[in-house]
Amino acid sequence: YRYENIQVVNKYNGVSQLTKNGRVIYKSRIHINGDYILGEFSSETEAAIAYNKAIDMLSGLINVTYTPNYIEGISSVEYASLYHNIILSRNFRKYVKSLMGR
């Protein structure tokens, strides 16, 4: 339990690193009555932004508070561009649409 032995496994909420077909990918997921996979991304930053986008989509639809990821090292313009271009999984989008119909 020494400080020098501590390793950061998951830097961002809802993001995990996997190896698939010999390459590293990042899977983003959010827990709402079970896990919803948001997608698989080539960078940890994209996966973290996908999680933030999911939080934004759920805002006002369910009564749960999620902690958004704070992403260092990118400009607000780059963040906005990535946010706009990320498409979340069909399953998650269908779930959000069902909540909006209530």
C-alpha atoms as a PDB file:
ATOM      1  CA  TYR A   1       0.000   0.000   0.000  1.00  0.00           C
ATOM      2  CA  ARG A   2       2.828   2.401  -0.734  1.00  0.00           C
ATOM      3  CA  TYR A   3       2.174   5.549  -2.724  1.00  0.00           C
ATOM      4  CA  GLU A   4       4.753   4.640  -5.386  1.00  0.00           C
ATOM      5  CA  ASN A   5       2.859   1.407  -6.074  1.00  0.00           C
ATOM      6  CA  ILE A   6      -0.402   3.164  -6.921  1.00  0.00           C
ATOM      7  CA  GLN A   7      -1.450   2.886 -10.564  1.00  0.00           C
ATOM      8  CA  VAL A   8      -4.285   4.784 -12.197  1.00  0.00           C
ATOM      9  CA  VAL A   9      -6.374   2.128 -13.913  1.00  0.00           C
ATOM     10  CA  ASN A  10      -9.244   4.242 -15.202  1.00  0.00           C
ATOM     11  CA  LYS A  11      -8.489   7.915 -15.680  1.00  0.00           C
ATOM     12  CA  TYR A  12     -12.078   8.838 -16.602  1.00  0.00           C
ATOM     13  CA  ASN A  13     -15.526   7.844 -15.364  1.00  0.00           C
ATOM     14  CA  GLY A  14     -17.207   5.269 -17.560  1.00  0.00           C
ATOM     15  CA  VAL A  15     -14.096   4.499 -19.651  1.00  0.00           C
ATOM     16  CA  SER A  16     -12.195   1.223 -19.757  1.00  0.00           C
ATOM     17  CA  GLN A  17      -9.226   0.166 -21.855  1.00  0.00           C
ATOM     18  CA  LEU A  18      -9.363  -3.090 -23.830  1.00  0.00           C
ATOM     19  CA  THR A  19      -7.221  -4.899 -26.346  1.00  0.00           C
ATOM     20  CA  LYS A  20      -9.180  -6.083 -29.367  1.00  0.00           C
ATOM     21  CA  ASN A  21      -7.558  -7.788 -32.361  1.00  0.00           C
ATOM     22  CA  GLY A  22      -4.147  -6.695 -31.111  1.00  0.00           C
ATOM     23  CA  ARG A  23      -4.947  -3.003 -30.797  1.00  0.00           C
ATOM     24  CA  VAL A  24      -5.908  -0.869 -27.811  1.00  0.00           C
ATOM     25  CA  ILE A  25      -9.440   0.531 -27.769  1.00  0.00           C
ATOM     26  CA  TYR A  26     -11.438   2.415 -25.165  1.00  0.00           C
ATOM     27  CA  LYS A  27     -14.988   1.396 -24.313  1.00  0.00           C
ATOM     28  CA  SER A  28     -17.367   3.907 -22.819  1.00  0.00           C
ATOM     29  CA  ARG A  29     -20.371   2.860 -20.740  1.00  0.00           C
ATOM     30  CA  ILE A  30     -22.871   4.397 -18.353  1.00  0.00           C
ATOM     31  CA  HIS A  31     -24.891   2.703 -15.622  1.00  0.00           C
ATOM     32  CA  ILE A  32     -28.654   3.240 -15.666  1.00  0.00           C
ATOM     33  CA  ASN A  33     -30.531   0.221 -14.299  1.00  0.00           C
ATOM     34  CA  GLY A  34     -27.677  -1.799 -15.799  1.00  0.00           C
ATOM     35  CA  ASP A  35     -24.815  -0.837 -18.080  1.00  0.00           C
ATOM     36  CA  TYR A  36     -25.380   0.788 -21.456  1.00  0.00           C
ATOM     37  CA  ILE A  37     -22.433   0.601 -23.820  1.00  0.00           C
ATOM     38  CA  LEU A  38     -21.963   4.000 -25.437  1.00  0.00           C
ATOM     39  CA  GLY A  39     -19.371   2.869 -27.960  1.00  0.00           C
ATOM     40  CA  GLU A  40     -15.790   1.864 -28.639  1.00  0.00           C
ATOM     41  CA  PHE A  41     -13.289   4.590 -29.443  1.00  0.00           C
ATOM     42  CA  SER A  42      -9.689   4.837 -30.578  1.00  0.00           C
ATOM     43  CA  SER A  43      -8.715   7.331 -27.876  1.00  0.00           C
ATOM     44  CA  GLU A  44      -9.384   7.676 -24.181  1.00  0.00           C
ATOM     45  CA  THR A  45     -10.371  11.306 -24.731  1.00  0.00           C
ATOM     46  CA  GLU A  46     -13.100  10.395 -27.233  1.00  0.00           C
ATOM     47  CA  ALA A  47     -14.502   7.769 -24.848  1.00  0.00           C
ATOM     48  CA  ALA A  48     -14.554  10.300 -21.989  1.00  0.00           C
ATOM     49  CA  ILE A  49     -16.333  12.861 -24.173  1.00  0.00           C
ATOM     50  CA  ALA A  50     -18.872  10.198 -25.187  1.00  0.00           C
ATOM     51  CA  TYR A  51     -19.613   9.649 -21.489  1.00  0.00           C
ATOM     52  CA  ASN A  52     -20.092  13.403 -21.019  1.00  0.00           C
ATOM     53  CA  LYS A  53     -22.411  13.511 -24.034  1.00  0.00           C
ATOM     54  CA  ALA A  54     -24.494  10.684 -22.557  1.00  0.00           C
ATOM     55  CA  ILE A  55     -24.782  12.610 -19.286  1.00  0.00           C
ATOM     56  CA  ASP A  56     -26.001  15.652 -21.216  1.00  0.00           C
ATOM     57  CA  MET A  57     -28.578  13.579 -23.100  1.00  0.00           C
ATOM     58  CA  LEU A  58     -29.922  12.125 -19.817  1.00  0.00           C
ATOM     59  CA  SER A  59     -30.055  15.492 -18.080  1.00  0.00           C
ATOM     60  CA  GLY A  60     -33.610  16.233 -16.994  1.00  0.00           C
ATOM     61  CA  LEU A  61     -34.872  12.789 -18.042  1.00  0.00           C
ATOM     62  CA  ILE A  62     -33.818  10.754 -15.006  1.00  0.00           C
ATOM     63  CA  ASN A  63     -33.231  11.714 -11.408  1.00  0.00           C
ATOM     64  CA  VAL A  64     -29.590  10.605 -11.126  1.00  0.00           C
ATOM     65  CA  THR A  65     -26.534  12.807 -10.829  1.00  0.00           C
ATOM     66  CA  TYR A  66     -23.438  11.764 -12.783  1.00  0.00           C
ATOM     67  CA  THR A  67     -19.989  13.287 -12.469  1.00  0.00           C
ATOM     68  CA  PRO A  68     -18.740  14.502 -15.853  1.00  0.00           C
ATOM     69  CA  ASN A  69     -15.168  13.913 -16.936  1.00  0.00           C
ATOM     70  CA  TYR A  70     -12.800  16.858 -16.907  1.00  0.00           C
ATOM     71  CA  ILE A  71     -10.495  16.529 -19.892  1.00  0.00           C
ATOM     72  CA  GLU A  72      -7.180  18.337 -19.812  1.00  0.00           C
ATOM     73  CA  GLY A  73      -4.977  19.169 -22.739  1.00  0.00           C
ATOM     74  CA  ILE A  74      -7.547  19.988 -25.408  1.00  0.00           C
ATOM     75  CA  SER A  75      -9.033  23.317 -26.381  1.00  0.00           C
ATOM     76  CA  SER A  76     -12.723  24.104 -26.136  1.00  0.00           C
ATOM     77  CA  VAL A  77     -12.924  24.156 -29.947  1.00  0.00           C
ATOM     78  CA  GLU A  78     -11.383  20.686 -30.195  1.00  0.00           C
ATOM     79  CA  TYR A  79     -13.687  19.417 -27.416  1.00  0.00           C
ATOM     80  CA  ALA A  80     -16.741  20.822 -29.219  1.00  0.00           C
ATOM     81  CA  SER A  81     -15.651  19.246 -32.496  1.00  0.00           C
ATOM     82  CA  LEU A  82     -15.166  15.810 -30.920  1.00  0.00           C
ATOM     83  CA  TYR A  83     -18.438  16.138 -28.972  1.00  0.00           C
ATOM     84  CA  HIS A  84     -20.352  16.973 -32.146  1.00  0.00           C
ATOM     85  CA  ASN A  85     -18.836  14.106 -34.173  1.00  0.00           C
ATOM     86  CA  ILE A  86     -19.292  11.348 -31.572  1.00  0.00           C
ATOM     87  CA  ILE A  87     -22.275   9.121 -32.244  1.00  0.00           C
ATOM     88  CA  LEU A  88     -23.446   7.089 -29.282  1.00  0.00           C
ATOM     89  CA  SER A  89     -24.692   3.508 -29.617  1.00  0.00           C
ATOM     90  CA  ARG A  90     -28.108   2.844 -31.113  1.00  0.00           C
ATOM     91  CA  ASN A  91     -29.222   0.995 -27.994  1.00  0.00           C
ATOM     92  CA  PHE A  92     -28.476   4.001 -25.773  1.00  0.00           C
ATOM     93  CA  ARG A  93     -30.145   6.443 -28.193  1.00  0.00           C
ATOM     94  CA  LYS A  94     -33.286   4.253 -28.247  1.00  0.00           C
ATOM     95  CA  TYR A  95     -33.337   4.252 -24.455  1.00  0.00           C
ATOM     96  CA  VAL A  96     -33.095   8.065 -24.319  1.00  0.00           C
ATOM     97  CA  LYS A  97     -35.853   8.350 -26.934  1.00  0.00           C
ATOM     98  CA  SER A  98     -38.105   6.095 -24.835  1.00  0.00           C
ATOM     99  CA  LEU A  99     -37.529   8.351 -21.823  1.00  0.00           C
ATOM    100  CA  MET A 100     -38.496  11.407 -23.848  1.00  0.00           C
ATOM    101  CA  GLY A 101     -41.823   9.783 -24.770  1.00  0.00           C
ATOM    102  CA  ARG A 102     -42.957   9.476 -21.162  1.00  0.00           C
END
